[in-house]
Amino acid sequence: MRQIVLDTETTGLEPSEGHRIIEIGCLEMIERRITNRTFHVYLNPDCEVEEGAIQVHGITNEFLADKPRFADVAADFIDFIRDSELVIHNASFDVGFLDAELARLGVPTRIDEHASVLDTLQIARELHPGQRVSLDALCKRYEVDNSGRELHGALLDAELLAEVYLAMTGGQVDLCLALSDDDEAEGHEPMGALDLSKLVVQKATHDELAAHRARLEAIRESSGKCLWEEG
């Protein structure tokens, strides 16, 4: 399964009022493992960033002046997310802004036509009813280090959300201890296939078998049946 953890930063809170996206951050997960693939851009919104928004993310109008427009990156962005499941915290916010940006291009398409959407805010509310479920609160709950998050940032928040999502939904499925390329470069031997011929088979002793039979008999006497002997 291919998932894309996504976050955006914007000039304000309402796309219906002309607010625009100024940063998109995405990272890829395949089968619940974070890969090295990311998509990250800053965007010139062709409008002023509200002062309140600058206080949240620190992205100024001067910084964005020479950045590309959404139209310049739209095709690459859609290619990156296509046929994936988008993992987003408060998905209606980000998807609403992305759909508004696509609408400005005059293209009759929506984000959900290219990828499915999973809202981690909804998951968190179901898991922790009545409790704070902001990204910072979830980082604290699941012991995800967010000490570097002095300001919001789309790629940083996507990275934090990926860790929170994996912890919140049961952790990574693949717990193998395969060595990285760096490990191999340092001369460590990769882990090979398990040699079953070296496994030691420890058989039960006569006394242990007798004790086992006595235990099964006691179960039969107390309940009338023994599940170990069925099937």
Protein backbone atom coordinates (compact mmCIF):
# COMPACT_ATOMS: atom_id res chain seq x y z
CA MET A 1 0.00 0.00 0.00
CA ARG A 2 1.36 3.41 -0.97
CA GLN A 3 0.52 6.32 1.33
CA ILE A 4 1.49 9.98 1.11
CA VAL A 5 1.60 11.97 4.34
CA LEU A 6 0.71 15.54 3.39
CA ASP A 7 0.60 18.99 4.98
CA THR A 8 0.24 22.53 3.68
CA GLU A 9 0.83 26.07 4.90
CA THR A 10 -1.37 28.91 3.68
CA THR A 11 -1.79 32.68 3.61
CA GLY A 12 -4.88 32.45 5.83
CA LEU A 13 -7.70 30.15 6.84
CA GLU A 14 -10.36 30.39 4.11
CA PRO A 15 -9.82 29.53 0.44
CA SER A 16 -13.26 31.02 -0.24
CA GLU A 17 -11.83 34.38 0.81
CA GLY A 18 -8.94 34.14 -1.61
CA HIS A 19 -6.36 32.66 0.70
CA ARG A 20 -3.76 30.52 -1.03
CA ILE A 21 -1.30 27.68 -0.43
CA ILE A 22 2.30 28.79 0.11
CA GLU A 23 3.94 25.48 1.05
CA ILE A 24 3.27 21.80 0.30
CA GLY A 25 5.13 19.03 2.10
CA CYS A 26 4.68 15.33 1.33
CA LEU A 27 6.52 12.16 2.21
CA GLU A 28 5.96 8.65 0.94
CA MET A 29 5.25 5.49 2.90
CA ILE A 30 5.02 2.05 1.31
CA GLU A 31 3.59 -0.80 3.37
CA ARG A 32 3.84 1.50 6.43
CA ARG A 33 7.55 2.10 5.94
CA ILE A 34 8.80 5.64 5.36
CA THR A 35 10.81 5.88 2.13
CA ASN A 36 13.25 8.58 1.08
CA ARG A 37 10.84 10.11 -1.46
CA THR A 38 9.41 13.52 -0.68
CA PHE A 39 7.67 16.36 -2.49
CA HIS A 40 8.30 19.81 -1.04
CA VAL A 41 7.75 23.26 -2.54
CA TYR A 42 7.23 26.86 -1.45
CA LEU A 43 4.78 28.80 -3.62
CA ASN A 44 4.26 32.43 -4.55
CA PRO A 45 0.55 33.00 -3.82
CA ASP A 46 0.27 36.32 -5.69
CA CYS A 47 -1.35 37.78 -2.58
CA GLU A 48 -0.28 38.93 0.87
CA VAL A 49 0.29 36.47 3.69
CA GLU A 50 -1.76 37.46 6.72
CA GLU A 51 0.22 38.57 9.76
CA GLY A 52 -1.49 35.96 11.93
CA ALA A 53 -0.44 33.23 9.51
CA ILE A 54 3.17 34.47 9.49
CA GLN A 55 3.23 34.14 13.26
CA VAL A 56 2.22 30.47 12.88
CA HIS A 57 4.62 29.37 10.12
CA GLY A 58 7.12 32.23 9.78
CA ILE A 59 6.89 32.33 5.97
CA THR A 60 7.05 35.95 4.79
CA ASN A 61 5.94 37.69 1.62
CA GLU A 62 9.56 38.60 0.86
CA PHE A 63 10.65 34.96 1.06
CA LEU A 64 7.91 33.85 -1.36
CA ALA A 65 8.48 36.59 -3.95
CA ASP A 66 10.72 34.48 -6.22
CA LYS A 67 9.04 31.12 -5.67
CA PRO A 68 7.05 29.24 -8.35
CA ARG A 69 3.26 29.42 -8.64
CA PHE A 70 0.99 26.47 -8.00
CA ALA A 71 0.39 26.19 -11.75
CA ASP A 72 4.11 25.55 -12.21
CA VAL A 73 4.16 22.51 -9.90
CA ALA A 74 0.60 21.16 -10.20
CA ALA A 75 1.41 18.39 -12.68
CA ASP A 76 4.40 17.14 -10.66
CA PHE A 77 2.35 17.25 -7.46
CA ILE A 78 -0.52 15.24 -8.95
CA ASP A 79 1.96 12.70 -10.33
CA PHE A 80 3.48 12.30 -6.86
CA ILE A 81 0.18 11.64 -5.08
CA ARG A 82 -1.60 9.72 -7.84
CA ASP A 83 -3.17 6.38 -6.81
CA SER A 84 -2.04 6.76 -3.20
CA GLU A 85 -3.84 7.19 0.11
CA LEU A 86 -3.28 10.69 1.47
CA VAL A 87 -2.72 10.79 5.23
CA ILE A 88 -3.66 14.28 6.46
CA HIS A 89 -4.40 15.80 9.86
CA ASN A 90 -7.64 17.79 9.51
CA ALA A 91 -7.94 16.72 5.89
CA SER A 92 -10.87 18.99 5.00
CA PHE A 93 -8.61 22.03 5.47
CA ASP A 94 -5.75 20.91 3.22
CA VAL A 95 -7.95 19.23 0.61
CA GLY A 96 -10.19 22.30 0.48
CA PHE A 97 -7.20 24.50 -0.32
CA LEU A 98 -5.80 22.05 -2.87
CA ASP A 99 -9.15 21.76 -4.63
CA ALA A 100 -9.38 25.56 -4.72
CA GLU A 101 -5.94 25.78 -6.31
CA LEU A 102 -6.89 23.21 -8.95
CA ALA A 103 -10.12 25.11 -9.65
CA ARG A 104 -8.13 28.29 -10.31
CA LEU A 105 -6.29 26.45 -13.06
CA GLY A 106 -9.57 25.80 -14.84
CA VAL A 107 -8.99 22.06 -14.64
CA PRO A 108 -12.17 20.07 -13.87
CA THR A 109 -10.56 17.81 -11.27
CA ARG A 110 -10.43 17.31 -7.52
CA ILE A 111 -7.86 15.75 -5.21
CA ASP A 112 -10.12 12.77 -4.42
CA GLU A 113 -10.15 11.88 -8.11
CA HIS A 114 -6.42 11.14 -7.91
CA ALA A 115 -6.01 9.74 -4.39
CA SER A 116 -8.09 8.56 -1.46
CA VAL A 117 -7.94 10.56 1.77
CA LEU A 118 -7.45 9.39 5.37
CA ASP A 119 -8.05 11.98 8.10
CA THR A 120 -5.86 11.33 11.15
CA LEU A 121 -7.78 13.97 13.11
CA GLN A 122 -10.90 11.80 12.89
CA ILE A 123 -8.92 8.72 13.93
CA ALA A 124 -7.48 10.58 16.92
CA ARG A 125 -10.92 11.81 18.01
CA GLU A 126 -12.27 8.25 17.93
CA LEU A 127 -9.30 6.92 19.89
CA HIS A 128 -9.16 9.76 22.42
CA PRO A 129 -12.66 11.24 22.80
CA GLY A 130 -12.82 14.51 24.71
CA GLN A 131 -9.04 14.97 24.70
CA ARG A 132 -6.73 17.32 22.79
CA VAL A 133 -5.84 15.89 19.39
CA SER A 134 -3.68 18.59 17.84
CA LEU A 135 -0.46 17.38 16.24
CA ASP A 136 1.56 18.70 19.19
CA ALA A 137 -0.74 16.94 21.67
CA LEU A 138 -0.48 13.67 19.75
CA CYS A 139 3.31 13.97 19.56
CA LYS A 140 3.36 14.23 23.35
CA ARG A 141 0.93 11.33 23.80
CA TYR A 142 2.87 9.01 21.48
CA GLU A 143 6.32 10.24 22.53
CA VAL A 144 7.24 11.63 19.13
CA ASP A 145 10.01 14.22 19.44
CA ASN A 146 8.70 17.56 18.18
CA SER A 147 11.25 19.71 19.99
CA GLY A 148 12.35 21.21 16.66
CA ARG A 149 8.86 22.47 15.85
CA GLU A 150 9.08 26.09 16.97
CA LEU A 151 7.01 27.10 13.92
CA HIS A 152 4.72 25.10 11.65
CA GLY A 153 6.29 23.81 8.44
CA ALA A 154 4.63 21.58 5.86
CA LEU A 155 7.41 19.01 5.43
CA LEU A 156 8.36 18.96 9.12
CA ASP A 157 4.72 18.52 10.11
CA ALA A 158 4.30 15.73 7.55
CA GLU A 159 7.31 13.95 9.05
CA LEU A 160 5.90 14.28 12.57
CA LEU A 161 2.45 13.18 11.41
CA ALA A 162 3.92 10.06 9.77
CA GLU A 163 5.45 9.00 13.08
CA VAL A 164 2.26 9.80 15.00
CA TYR A 165 0.12 7.93 12.48
CA LEU A 166 2.28 4.80 12.66
CA ALA A 167 2.22 4.87 16.47
CA MET A 168 -1.49 5.64 16.64
CA THR A 169 -2.41 2.80 14.28
CA GLY A 170 -0.16 0.11 15.69
CA GLY A 171 3.39 0.92 14.63
CA GLN A 172 5.32 -0.28 11.61
CA VAL A 173 4.32 -3.71 10.34
CA ASP A 174 7.80 -4.68 9.14
CA LEU A 175 10.06 -5.02 12.18
CA CYS A 176 12.92 -6.73 10.37
CA LEU A 177 16.44 -5.79 11.38
CA ALA A 178 17.84 -5.54 7.87
CA LEU A 179 21.03 -3.52 7.71
CA SER A 180 21.06 -0.23 5.85
CA ASP A 181 23.37 0.56 2.94
CA ASP A 182 25.55 2.51 5.37
CA ASP A 183 25.91 -0.56 7.59
CA GLU A 184 27.02 -2.66 4.66
CA ALA A 185 29.45 0.05 3.56
CA GLU A 186 31.07 -0.11 7.01
CA GLY A 187 31.74 -3.83 6.58
CA HIS A 188 28.89 -5.36 8.53
CA GLU A 189 27.65 -8.66 7.19
CA PRO A 190 24.00 -8.60 6.04
CA MET A 191 21.63 -10.95 7.81
CA GLY A 192 21.24 -14.14 5.78
CA ALA A 193 18.50 -16.76 5.71
CA LEU A 194 17.88 -18.65 8.93
CA ASP A 195 19.69 -22.04 8.99
CA LEU A 196 17.07 -24.38 10.45
CA SER A 197 19.61 -27.21 10.73
CA LYS A 198 21.22 -25.36 13.64
CA LEU A 199 18.05 -25.10 15.68
CA VAL A 200 18.05 -27.22 18.83
CA VAL A 201 14.89 -29.29 19.37
CA GLN A 202 14.27 -29.81 23.09
CA LYS A 203 11.86 -32.72 23.62
CA ALA A 204 9.69 -33.03 26.71
CA THR A 205 10.88 -35.44 29.38
CA HIS A 206 8.86 -38.42 30.66
CA ASP A 207 7.92 -36.49 33.81
CA GLU A 208 6.87 -33.41 31.81
CA LEU A 209 4.63 -35.51 29.54
CA ALA A 210 3.04 -37.16 32.58
CA ALA A 211 2.39 -33.76 34.17
CA HIS A 212 0.84 -32.54 30.90
CA ARG A 213 -1.51 -35.55 30.72
CA ALA A 214 -2.53 -34.99 34.34
CA ARG A 215 -3.30 -31.34 33.61
CA LEU A 216 -5.51 -32.24 30.63
CA GLU A 217 -7.36 -34.81 32.75
CA ALA A 218 -8.01 -32.18 35.41
CA ILE A 219 -9.44 -29.84 32.75
CA ARG A 220 -11.75 -32.58 31.44
CA GLU A 221 -13.03 -33.30 34.94
CA SER A 222 -13.76 -29.65 35.65
CA SER A 223 -15.39 -28.63 32.36
CA GLY A 224 -16.21 -31.86 30.56
CA LYS A 225 -14.04 -31.07 27.55
CA CYS A 226 -10.54 -29.98 26.65
CA LEU A 227 -10.05 -27.60 23.72
CA TRP A 228 -6.48 -28.82 23.14
CA GLU A 229 -7.83 -32.22 22.14
CA GLU A 230 -10.42 -30.86 19.65
CA GLY A 231 -9.88 -30.32 15.96
